[in-house]
N, C-alpha and C. Protein backbone atom coordinates (compact mmCIF):
# COMPACT_ATOMS: atom_id res chain seq x y z
N MET A 1 169.87 120.84 -33.63
CA MET A 1 170.01 121.72 -34.76
C MET A 1 169.49 123.12 -34.41
N GLU A 2 168.40 123.15 -33.66
CA GLU A 2 167.84 124.45 -33.28
C GLU A 2 168.84 125.26 -32.46
N TYR A 3 169.52 124.60 -31.54
CA TYR A 3 170.50 125.31 -30.70
C TYR A 3 171.66 125.83 -31.55
N LEU A 4 172.08 125.04 -32.52
CA LEU A 4 173.16 125.49 -33.40
C LEU A 4 172.69 126.68 -34.24
N GLU A 5 171.47 126.62 -34.73
CA GLU A 5 170.93 127.75 -35.49
C GLU A 5 170.85 128.99 -34.61
N MET A 6 170.46 128.80 -33.34
CA MET A 6 170.41 129.94 -32.42
C MET A 6 171.81 130.50 -32.17
N ALA A 7 172.79 129.62 -32.02
CA ALA A 7 174.16 130.06 -31.79
C ALA A 7 174.67 130.86 -32.99
N ILE A 8 174.37 130.38 -34.18
CA ILE A 8 174.80 131.08 -35.39
C ILE A 8 174.08 132.43 -35.51
N ALA A 9 172.81 132.48 -35.13
CA ALA A 9 172.07 133.74 -35.16
C ALA A 9 172.67 134.75 -34.18
N LEU A 10 173.10 134.25 -33.02
CA LEU A 10 173.71 135.13 -32.01
C LEU A 10 175.11 135.59 -32.43
N ASP A 11 175.84 134.69 -33.09
CA ASP A 11 177.20 135.01 -33.54
C ASP A 11 177.40 134.42 -34.93
N PRO A 12 177.11 135.20 -35.97
CA PRO A 12 177.20 134.70 -37.34
C PRO A 12 178.60 134.29 -37.79
N GLU A 13 179.61 134.52 -36.95
CA GLU A 13 180.98 134.11 -37.29
C GLU A 13 181.48 133.01 -36.37
N PHE A 14 180.59 132.28 -35.73
CA PHE A 14 180.93 131.22 -34.77
C PHE A 14 181.26 129.93 -35.54
N SER A 15 182.52 129.77 -35.86
CA SER A 15 182.99 128.66 -36.69
C SER A 15 182.58 127.29 -36.14
N GLU A 16 182.73 127.10 -34.84
CA GLU A 16 182.42 125.79 -34.25
C GLU A 16 180.95 125.41 -34.44
N ALA A 17 180.08 126.39 -34.36
CA ALA A 17 178.66 126.11 -34.55
C ALA A 17 178.39 125.67 -35.99
N TYR A 18 179.06 126.32 -36.94
CA TYR A 18 178.91 125.90 -38.34
C TYR A 18 179.45 124.49 -38.55
N SER A 19 180.58 124.18 -37.93
CA SER A 19 181.15 122.83 -38.04
C SER A 19 180.18 121.79 -37.51
N LEU A 20 179.67 122.02 -36.33
CA LEU A 20 178.74 121.06 -35.73
C LEU A 20 177.44 120.96 -36.54
N PHE A 21 176.99 122.08 -37.07
CA PHE A 21 175.79 122.08 -37.89
C PHE A 21 176.00 121.20 -39.12
N ALA A 22 177.13 121.39 -39.81
CA ALA A 22 177.44 120.57 -40.99
C ALA A 22 177.57 119.10 -40.60
N TRP A 23 178.23 118.85 -39.46
CA TRP A 23 178.42 117.46 -39.02
C TRP A 23 177.07 116.79 -38.77
N GLN A 24 176.10 117.52 -38.26
CA GLN A 24 174.79 116.92 -38.02
C GLN A 24 174.17 116.40 -39.32
N TYR A 25 174.41 117.09 -40.41
CA TYR A 25 173.89 116.62 -41.70
C TYR A 25 174.64 115.39 -42.18
N VAL A 26 175.92 115.32 -41.92
CA VAL A 26 176.66 114.08 -42.23
C VAL A 26 176.05 112.93 -41.44
N HIS A 27 175.83 113.19 -40.17
CA HIS A 27 175.25 112.17 -39.30
C HIS A 27 173.85 111.77 -39.77
N LEU A 28 173.02 112.73 -40.13
CA LEU A 28 171.67 112.43 -40.60
C LEU A 28 171.69 111.56 -41.86
N ALA A 29 172.64 111.81 -42.75
CA ALA A 29 172.71 111.02 -43.98
C ALA A 29 173.30 109.63 -43.74
N THR A 30 174.28 109.53 -42.86
CA THR A 30 174.96 108.24 -42.68
C THR A 30 174.26 107.34 -41.67
N ILE A 31 173.58 107.92 -40.71
CA ILE A 31 172.96 107.13 -39.64
C ILE A 31 171.43 107.13 -39.74
N ALA A 32 170.85 108.26 -40.08
CA ALA A 32 169.39 108.40 -39.99
C ALA A 32 168.67 108.30 -41.34
N GLY A 33 169.40 108.07 -42.41
CA GLY A 33 168.76 107.82 -43.69
C GLY A 33 168.36 109.02 -44.52
N MET A 34 168.85 110.20 -44.17
CA MET A 34 168.54 111.37 -45.00
C MET A 34 169.23 111.22 -46.36
N ASP A 35 168.57 111.71 -47.39
CA ASP A 35 169.15 111.70 -48.73
C ASP A 35 170.48 112.46 -48.70
N PRO A 36 171.58 111.83 -49.11
CA PRO A 36 172.89 112.51 -49.07
C PRO A 36 172.93 113.81 -49.86
N LYS A 37 172.18 113.90 -50.95
CA LYS A 37 172.16 115.15 -51.73
C LYS A 37 171.54 116.29 -50.92
N LYS A 38 170.46 115.98 -50.22
CA LYS A 38 169.82 116.99 -49.38
C LYS A 38 170.76 117.38 -48.23
N ALA A 39 171.38 116.38 -47.63
CA ALA A 39 172.31 116.65 -46.53
C ALA A 39 173.48 117.50 -47.03
N PHE A 40 174.01 117.16 -48.20
CA PHE A 40 175.13 117.90 -48.78
C PHE A 40 174.75 119.35 -49.03
N ALA A 41 173.54 119.58 -49.54
CA ALA A 41 173.08 120.94 -49.84
C ALA A 41 173.04 121.79 -48.58
N ASN A 42 172.78 121.18 -47.43
CA ASN A 42 172.75 121.91 -46.17
C ASN A 42 174.12 121.98 -45.50
N ALA A 43 174.89 120.92 -45.62
CA ALA A 43 176.18 120.85 -44.93
C ALA A 43 177.26 121.71 -45.60
N LEU A 44 177.28 121.72 -46.91
CA LEU A 44 178.36 122.43 -47.61
C LEU A 44 178.44 123.92 -47.28
N PRO A 45 177.35 124.66 -47.34
CA PRO A 45 177.46 126.09 -46.98
C PRO A 45 177.91 126.29 -45.53
N ALA A 46 177.44 125.42 -44.66
CA ALA A 46 177.82 125.55 -43.24
C ALA A 46 179.31 125.30 -43.05
N VAL A 47 179.81 124.24 -43.65
CA VAL A 47 181.23 123.92 -43.44
C VAL A 47 182.13 124.95 -44.13
N LYS A 48 181.66 125.50 -45.23
CA LYS A 48 182.43 126.58 -45.88
C LYS A 48 182.51 127.79 -44.95
N ASN A 49 181.41 128.09 -44.26
CA ASN A 49 181.44 129.18 -43.29
C ASN A 49 182.37 128.86 -42.12
N ALA A 50 182.37 127.62 -41.68
CA ALA A 50 183.25 127.22 -40.58
C ALA A 50 184.71 127.51 -40.94
N VAL A 51 185.10 127.16 -42.15
CA VAL A 51 186.48 127.40 -42.60
C VAL A 51 186.71 128.89 -42.82
N LYS A 52 185.71 129.57 -43.36
CA LYS A 52 185.83 131.01 -43.61
C LYS A 52 186.09 131.78 -42.32
N TYR A 53 185.37 131.42 -41.25
CA TYR A 53 185.47 132.17 -40.00
C TYR A 53 186.59 131.69 -39.09
N ASP A 54 187.15 130.52 -39.39
CA ASP A 54 188.33 130.06 -38.64
C ASP A 54 189.13 129.13 -39.54
N SER A 55 190.00 129.73 -40.33
CA SER A 55 190.77 128.96 -41.31
C SER A 55 191.84 128.09 -40.66
N LEU A 56 191.99 128.19 -39.35
CA LEU A 56 192.96 127.35 -38.64
C LEU A 56 192.28 126.28 -37.78
N SER A 57 190.98 126.10 -37.97
CA SER A 57 190.24 125.11 -37.18
C SER A 57 190.41 123.72 -37.76
N SER A 58 191.05 122.86 -37.01
CA SER A 58 191.19 121.47 -37.46
C SER A 58 189.83 120.80 -37.52
N ASP A 59 188.94 121.15 -36.61
CA ASP A 59 187.59 120.58 -36.62
C ASP A 59 186.86 120.92 -37.92
N ALA A 60 186.96 122.17 -38.35
CA ALA A 60 186.27 122.59 -39.57
C ALA A 60 186.74 121.75 -40.76
N TYR A 61 188.04 121.54 -40.86
CA TYR A 61 188.55 120.74 -41.98
C TYR A 61 188.21 119.26 -41.82
N LEU A 62 188.14 118.79 -40.60
CA LEU A 62 187.74 117.41 -40.34
C LEU A 62 186.30 117.19 -40.80
N VAL A 63 185.43 118.14 -40.48
CA VAL A 63 184.04 118.06 -40.94
C VAL A 63 183.98 118.20 -42.46
N TYR A 64 184.78 119.11 -42.99
CA TYR A 64 184.80 119.32 -44.44
C TYR A 64 185.15 118.01 -45.16
N GLY A 65 186.17 117.33 -44.66
CA GLY A 65 186.53 116.04 -45.24
C GLY A 65 185.39 115.04 -45.13
N SER A 66 184.68 115.06 -44.02
CA SER A 66 183.55 114.15 -43.83
C SER A 66 182.43 114.47 -44.82
N VAL A 67 182.17 115.75 -45.03
CA VAL A 67 181.15 116.17 -46.00
C VAL A 67 181.56 115.70 -47.39
N ASN A 68 182.83 115.92 -47.75
CA ASN A 68 183.32 115.47 -49.06
C ASN A 68 183.18 113.95 -49.23
N PHE A 69 183.56 113.22 -48.21
CA PHE A 69 183.62 111.76 -48.28
C PHE A 69 182.23 111.13 -48.27
N PHE A 70 181.41 111.47 -47.29
CA PHE A 70 180.14 110.78 -47.11
C PHE A 70 178.99 111.36 -47.94
N LEU A 71 179.04 112.63 -48.27
CA LEU A 71 177.90 113.26 -48.92
C LEU A 71 178.14 113.58 -50.39
N ASP A 72 179.36 113.89 -50.76
CA ASP A 72 179.67 114.29 -52.13
C ASP A 72 180.47 113.23 -52.87
N TYR A 73 181.00 112.27 -52.15
CA TYR A 73 181.80 111.18 -52.72
C TYR A 73 182.99 111.72 -53.50
N ASN A 74 183.50 112.85 -53.04
CA ASN A 74 184.67 113.47 -53.66
C ASN A 74 185.88 113.10 -52.80
N PHE A 75 186.49 111.98 -53.15
CA PHE A 75 187.53 111.40 -52.31
C PHE A 75 188.82 112.22 -52.32
N GLU A 76 189.11 112.87 -53.43
CA GLU A 76 190.31 113.70 -53.49
C GLU A 76 190.18 114.91 -52.57
N GLU A 77 189.03 115.58 -52.64
CA GLU A 77 188.80 116.72 -51.74
C GLU A 77 188.75 116.26 -50.29
N ALA A 78 188.17 115.09 -50.06
CA ALA A 78 188.13 114.55 -48.69
C ALA A 78 189.55 114.37 -48.16
N ARG A 79 190.42 113.78 -48.97
CA ARG A 79 191.81 113.58 -48.53
C ARG A 79 192.47 114.91 -48.21
N ILE A 80 192.30 115.89 -49.09
CA ILE A 80 192.91 117.21 -48.88
C ILE A 80 192.43 117.81 -47.56
N ASN A 81 191.14 117.76 -47.31
CA ASN A 81 190.60 118.37 -46.09
C ASN A 81 190.94 117.58 -44.84
N PHE A 82 190.91 116.25 -44.91
CA PHE A 82 191.32 115.45 -43.76
C PHE A 82 192.79 115.70 -43.42
N GLU A 83 193.64 115.74 -44.45
CA GLU A 83 195.06 115.97 -44.20
C GLU A 83 195.31 117.37 -43.65
N LYS A 84 194.56 118.35 -44.14
CA LYS A 84 194.68 119.71 -43.61
C LYS A 84 194.29 119.72 -42.13
N SER A 85 193.26 118.99 -41.78
CA SER A 85 192.84 118.90 -40.38
C SER A 85 193.95 118.31 -39.52
N MET A 86 194.55 117.23 -40.00
CA MET A 86 195.61 116.59 -39.22
C MET A 86 196.83 117.50 -39.10
N GLU A 87 197.11 118.26 -40.16
CA GLU A 87 198.22 119.20 -40.13
C GLU A 87 197.98 120.31 -39.10
N LEU A 88 196.76 120.78 -39.01
CA LEU A 88 196.43 121.87 -38.09
C LEU A 88 196.28 121.41 -36.65
N ASN A 89 195.92 120.15 -36.45
CA ASN A 89 195.61 119.67 -35.11
C ASN A 89 196.87 119.41 -34.32
N SER A 90 197.00 120.08 -33.21
CA SER A 90 198.16 119.90 -32.34
C SER A 90 197.95 118.73 -31.38
N TRP A 91 196.77 118.13 -31.42
CA TRP A 91 196.37 117.07 -30.50
C TRP A 91 196.35 117.56 -29.06
N GLY A 92 196.40 118.86 -28.91
CA GLY A 92 196.20 119.41 -27.59
C GLY A 92 194.74 119.83 -27.45
N GLU A 93 194.05 119.83 -28.56
CA GLU A 93 192.63 120.12 -28.53
C GLU A 93 191.89 118.84 -28.85
N SER A 94 190.63 118.82 -28.57
CA SER A 94 189.85 117.62 -28.80
C SER A 94 189.02 117.79 -30.07
N PRO A 95 189.32 117.03 -31.10
CA PRO A 95 188.53 117.14 -32.33
C PRO A 95 187.12 116.59 -32.11
N ILE A 96 186.24 116.89 -33.04
CA ILE A 96 184.92 116.30 -32.99
C ILE A 96 185.12 114.80 -33.19
N HIS A 97 184.89 114.04 -32.14
CA HIS A 97 185.30 112.64 -32.14
C HIS A 97 184.70 111.80 -33.26
N GLN A 98 183.44 112.00 -33.59
CA GLN A 98 182.85 111.20 -34.64
C GLN A 98 183.54 111.45 -35.98
N CYS A 99 184.04 112.65 -36.16
CA CYS A 99 184.74 112.96 -37.40
C CYS A 99 186.06 112.23 -37.49
N ILE A 100 186.68 111.98 -36.34
CA ILE A 100 187.89 111.16 -36.35
C ILE A 100 187.53 109.78 -36.89
N CYS A 101 186.36 109.28 -36.48
CA CYS A 101 185.91 107.99 -37.02
C CYS A 101 185.71 108.08 -38.53
N ALA A 102 185.19 109.20 -39.00
CA ALA A 102 185.00 109.39 -40.44
C ALA A 102 186.35 109.34 -41.15
N TYR A 103 187.35 109.96 -40.55
CA TYR A 103 188.68 109.93 -41.17
C TYR A 103 189.24 108.51 -41.17
N VAL A 104 189.03 107.78 -40.09
CA VAL A 104 189.48 106.37 -40.04
C VAL A 104 188.77 105.57 -41.13
N GLU A 105 187.48 105.78 -41.29
CA GLU A 105 186.74 105.05 -42.33
C GLU A 105 187.24 105.45 -43.73
N PHE A 106 187.58 106.71 -43.91
CA PHE A 106 188.15 107.14 -45.18
C PHE A 106 189.47 106.41 -45.44
N LEU A 107 190.32 106.37 -44.42
CA LEU A 107 191.61 105.69 -44.57
C LEU A 107 191.41 104.20 -44.82
N LEU A 108 190.46 103.59 -44.13
CA LEU A 108 190.15 102.17 -44.37
C LEU A 108 189.73 101.94 -45.81
N SER A 109 188.88 102.80 -46.32
CA SER A 109 188.39 102.63 -47.69
C SER A 109 189.51 102.77 -48.72
N ASN A 110 190.57 103.44 -48.33
CA ASN A 110 191.71 103.62 -49.23
C ASN A 110 192.85 102.67 -48.93
N GLY A 111 192.65 101.80 -47.94
CA GLY A 111 193.68 100.82 -47.60
C GLY A 111 194.90 101.41 -46.91
N ASP A 112 194.75 102.59 -46.31
CA ASP A 112 195.86 103.27 -45.64
C ASP A 112 196.00 102.80 -44.20
N ILE A 113 196.24 101.51 -44.02
CA ILE A 113 196.27 100.90 -42.70
C ILE A 113 197.39 101.47 -41.83
N GLU A 114 198.55 101.67 -42.40
CA GLU A 114 199.67 102.21 -41.62
C GLU A 114 199.35 103.61 -41.10
N GLU A 115 198.66 104.39 -41.91
CA GLU A 115 198.28 105.74 -41.49
C GLU A 115 197.29 105.68 -40.33
N ILE A 116 196.42 104.68 -40.35
CA ILE A 116 195.47 104.53 -39.25
C ILE A 116 196.20 104.20 -37.96
N TRP A 117 197.19 103.32 -38.02
CA TRP A 117 197.95 102.99 -36.81
C TRP A 117 198.66 104.22 -36.26
N LYS A 118 199.22 105.06 -37.15
CA LYS A 118 199.86 106.30 -36.69
C LYS A 118 198.84 107.21 -36.01
N LEU A 119 197.66 107.31 -36.62
CA LEU A 119 196.60 108.12 -36.05
C LEU A 119 196.21 107.58 -34.67
N PHE A 120 196.07 106.27 -34.55
CA PHE A 120 195.74 105.65 -33.26
C PHE A 120 196.80 105.95 -32.21
N ASP A 121 198.06 105.91 -32.61
CA ASP A 121 199.13 106.23 -31.66
C ASP A 121 198.93 107.62 -31.07
N ASN A 122 198.61 108.58 -31.93
CA ASN A 122 198.38 109.95 -31.46
C ASN A 122 197.12 110.04 -30.60
N ILE A 123 196.06 109.40 -31.06
CA ILE A 123 194.80 109.45 -30.30
C ILE A 123 194.98 108.82 -28.92
N HIS A 124 195.59 107.65 -28.88
CA HIS A 124 195.76 106.97 -27.59
C HIS A 124 196.71 107.74 -26.67
N ARG A 125 197.64 108.48 -27.24
CA ARG A 125 198.56 109.28 -26.43
C ARG A 125 197.80 110.42 -25.75
N ILE A 126 196.89 111.03 -26.48
CA ILE A 126 196.15 112.18 -25.95
C ILE A 126 194.93 111.73 -25.15
N ASP A 127 194.21 110.76 -25.68
CA ASP A 127 192.97 110.29 -25.01
C ASP A 127 192.93 108.77 -25.07
N PRO A 128 193.59 108.12 -24.11
CA PRO A 128 193.67 106.64 -24.15
C PRO A 128 192.32 105.96 -23.99
N ASN A 129 191.30 106.68 -23.61
CA ASN A 129 189.98 106.08 -23.41
C ASN A 129 188.96 106.52 -24.45
N LEU A 130 189.43 106.95 -25.59
CA LEU A 130 188.50 107.31 -26.66
C LEU A 130 187.90 106.01 -27.18
N PHE A 131 186.81 105.62 -26.54
CA PHE A 131 186.32 104.26 -26.61
C PHE A 131 185.95 103.76 -28.00
N PHE A 132 185.44 104.61 -28.87
CA PHE A 132 185.02 104.05 -30.15
C PHE A 132 186.20 103.73 -31.06
N MET A 133 187.39 104.18 -30.70
CA MET A 133 188.58 103.78 -31.45
C MET A 133 188.90 102.30 -31.23
N PHE A 134 188.47 101.78 -30.09
CA PHE A 134 188.74 100.36 -29.82
C PHE A 134 188.06 99.45 -30.84
N ASN A 135 186.89 99.85 -31.33
CA ASN A 135 186.21 99.05 -32.36
C ASN A 135 187.07 98.97 -33.62
N TYR A 136 187.58 100.13 -34.06
CA TYR A 136 188.41 100.15 -35.26
C TYR A 136 189.71 99.39 -35.03
N GLU A 137 190.27 99.56 -33.85
CA GLU A 137 191.50 98.84 -33.54
C GLU A 137 191.26 97.33 -33.61
N SER A 138 190.15 96.89 -33.08
CA SER A 138 189.80 95.48 -33.14
C SER A 138 189.69 95.02 -34.59
N TYR A 139 189.02 95.82 -35.40
CA TYR A 139 188.86 95.49 -36.81
C TYR A 139 190.20 95.37 -37.53
N LEU A 140 191.13 96.27 -37.23
CA LEU A 140 192.45 96.20 -37.86
C LEU A 140 193.19 94.93 -37.47
N HIS A 141 193.03 94.53 -36.22
CA HIS A 141 193.65 93.27 -35.80
C HIS A 141 193.03 92.08 -36.53
N ILE A 142 191.73 92.13 -36.76
CA ILE A 142 191.08 91.07 -37.53
C ILE A 142 191.63 91.02 -38.94
N LEU A 143 191.83 92.20 -39.55
CA LEU A 143 192.42 92.25 -40.90
C LEU A 143 193.81 91.63 -40.93
N ASN A 144 194.53 91.73 -39.81
CA ASN A 144 195.87 91.15 -39.71
C ASN A 144 195.84 89.71 -39.21
N ASP A 145 194.64 89.14 -39.11
CA ASP A 145 194.47 87.76 -38.66
C ASP A 145 194.99 87.54 -37.24
N ASP A 146 194.86 88.57 -36.42
CA ASP A 146 195.32 88.49 -35.03
C ASP A 146 194.09 88.59 -34.13
N MET A 147 193.40 87.46 -34.00
CA MET A 147 192.13 87.45 -33.26
C MET A 147 192.33 87.74 -31.77
N GLU A 148 193.43 87.30 -31.21
CA GLU A 148 193.67 87.53 -29.78
C GLU A 148 193.75 89.03 -29.49
N SER A 149 194.51 89.76 -30.30
CA SER A 149 194.61 91.21 -30.11
C SER A 149 193.29 91.89 -30.43
N ALA A 150 192.54 91.35 -31.39
CA ALA A 150 191.23 91.92 -31.73
C ALA A 150 190.28 91.83 -30.54
N ILE A 151 190.28 90.70 -29.89
CA ILE A 151 189.40 90.52 -28.72
C ILE A 151 189.82 91.45 -27.59
N ILE A 152 191.11 91.57 -27.35
CA ILE A 152 191.61 92.46 -26.30
C ILE A 152 191.18 93.90 -26.58
N ALA A 153 191.34 94.34 -27.83
CA ALA A 153 190.96 95.71 -28.21
C ALA A 153 189.45 95.90 -28.05
N PHE A 154 188.67 94.93 -28.49
CA PHE A 154 187.22 95.07 -28.37
C PHE A 154 186.77 95.07 -26.91
N GLU A 155 187.41 94.26 -26.09
CA GLU A 155 187.03 94.22 -24.67
C GLU A 155 187.31 95.54 -23.96
N LYS A 156 188.25 96.33 -24.47
CA LYS A 156 188.49 97.66 -23.90
C LYS A 156 187.26 98.55 -24.09
N ARG A 157 186.46 98.25 -25.09
CA ARG A 157 185.27 99.02 -25.42
C ARG A 157 184.10 98.71 -24.48
N LEU A 158 184.07 97.51 -23.95
CA LEU A 158 182.90 97.05 -23.19
C LEU A 158 182.52 97.92 -22.00
N PRO A 159 183.47 98.43 -21.22
CA PRO A 159 183.04 99.27 -20.08
C PRO A 159 182.27 100.52 -20.50
N TYR A 160 182.39 100.92 -21.74
CA TYR A 160 181.71 102.12 -22.22
C TYR A 160 180.37 101.81 -22.87
N SER A 161 180.04 100.54 -22.99
CA SER A 161 178.79 100.12 -23.62
C SER A 161 177.64 100.20 -22.64
N ASP A 162 176.46 100.35 -23.19
CA ASP A 162 175.26 100.29 -22.36
C ASP A 162 175.15 98.89 -21.79
N THR A 163 174.61 98.78 -20.61
CA THR A 163 174.41 97.45 -20.04
C THR A 163 173.27 96.76 -20.76
N LEU A 164 173.23 95.48 -20.64
CA LEU A 164 172.19 94.70 -21.29
C LEU A 164 171.10 94.31 -20.30
N ASP A 165 170.94 95.09 -19.22
CA ASP A 165 169.93 94.79 -18.21
C ASP A 165 168.53 94.70 -18.80
N TRP A 166 168.29 95.49 -19.82
CA TRP A 166 166.95 95.50 -20.42
C TRP A 166 166.59 94.14 -21.02
N MET A 167 167.60 93.35 -21.41
CA MET A 167 167.33 92.05 -22.02
C MET A 167 166.85 91.05 -20.97
N GLU A 168 167.21 91.28 -19.72
CA GLU A 168 166.85 90.36 -18.66
C GLU A 168 165.42 90.57 -18.20
N LYS A 169 164.79 91.64 -18.58
CA LYS A 169 163.44 91.96 -18.12
C LYS A 169 162.38 91.37 -19.01
């Protein structure tokens, strides 16, 4: 966070720094237990600046959707911002990967399974080794009662996992 604050101080119009700053608050609330209201109070101004300084940034809208979804529980605004991100993203750039997971979780919560498969097709086309997508892919196969495909998808994830050597000690 300090480095992002320094980047913003050096360039107050650095959209990517604002996006990452806002995303850190989403992460703090969803993973580290920060109060979502406190996280939202910090993330919202940052993500608004990200969009203000680069209105064509798919990352900014991806983070905006994540802020709406995880911190404000505003599902309609989340959908609008996630869809804007997907519209802007040419898939020639690399989005903030964790936010793609946030969009997948948003789609899962809304039962938009077909949309997730379309998203996976694009992701796998651009980055076939985006390893955390394999977890979601496995989960979708489980939802379809296809355990064999679920195991295959999950096993694709294993090479990217930490080793369990520490358990042997």
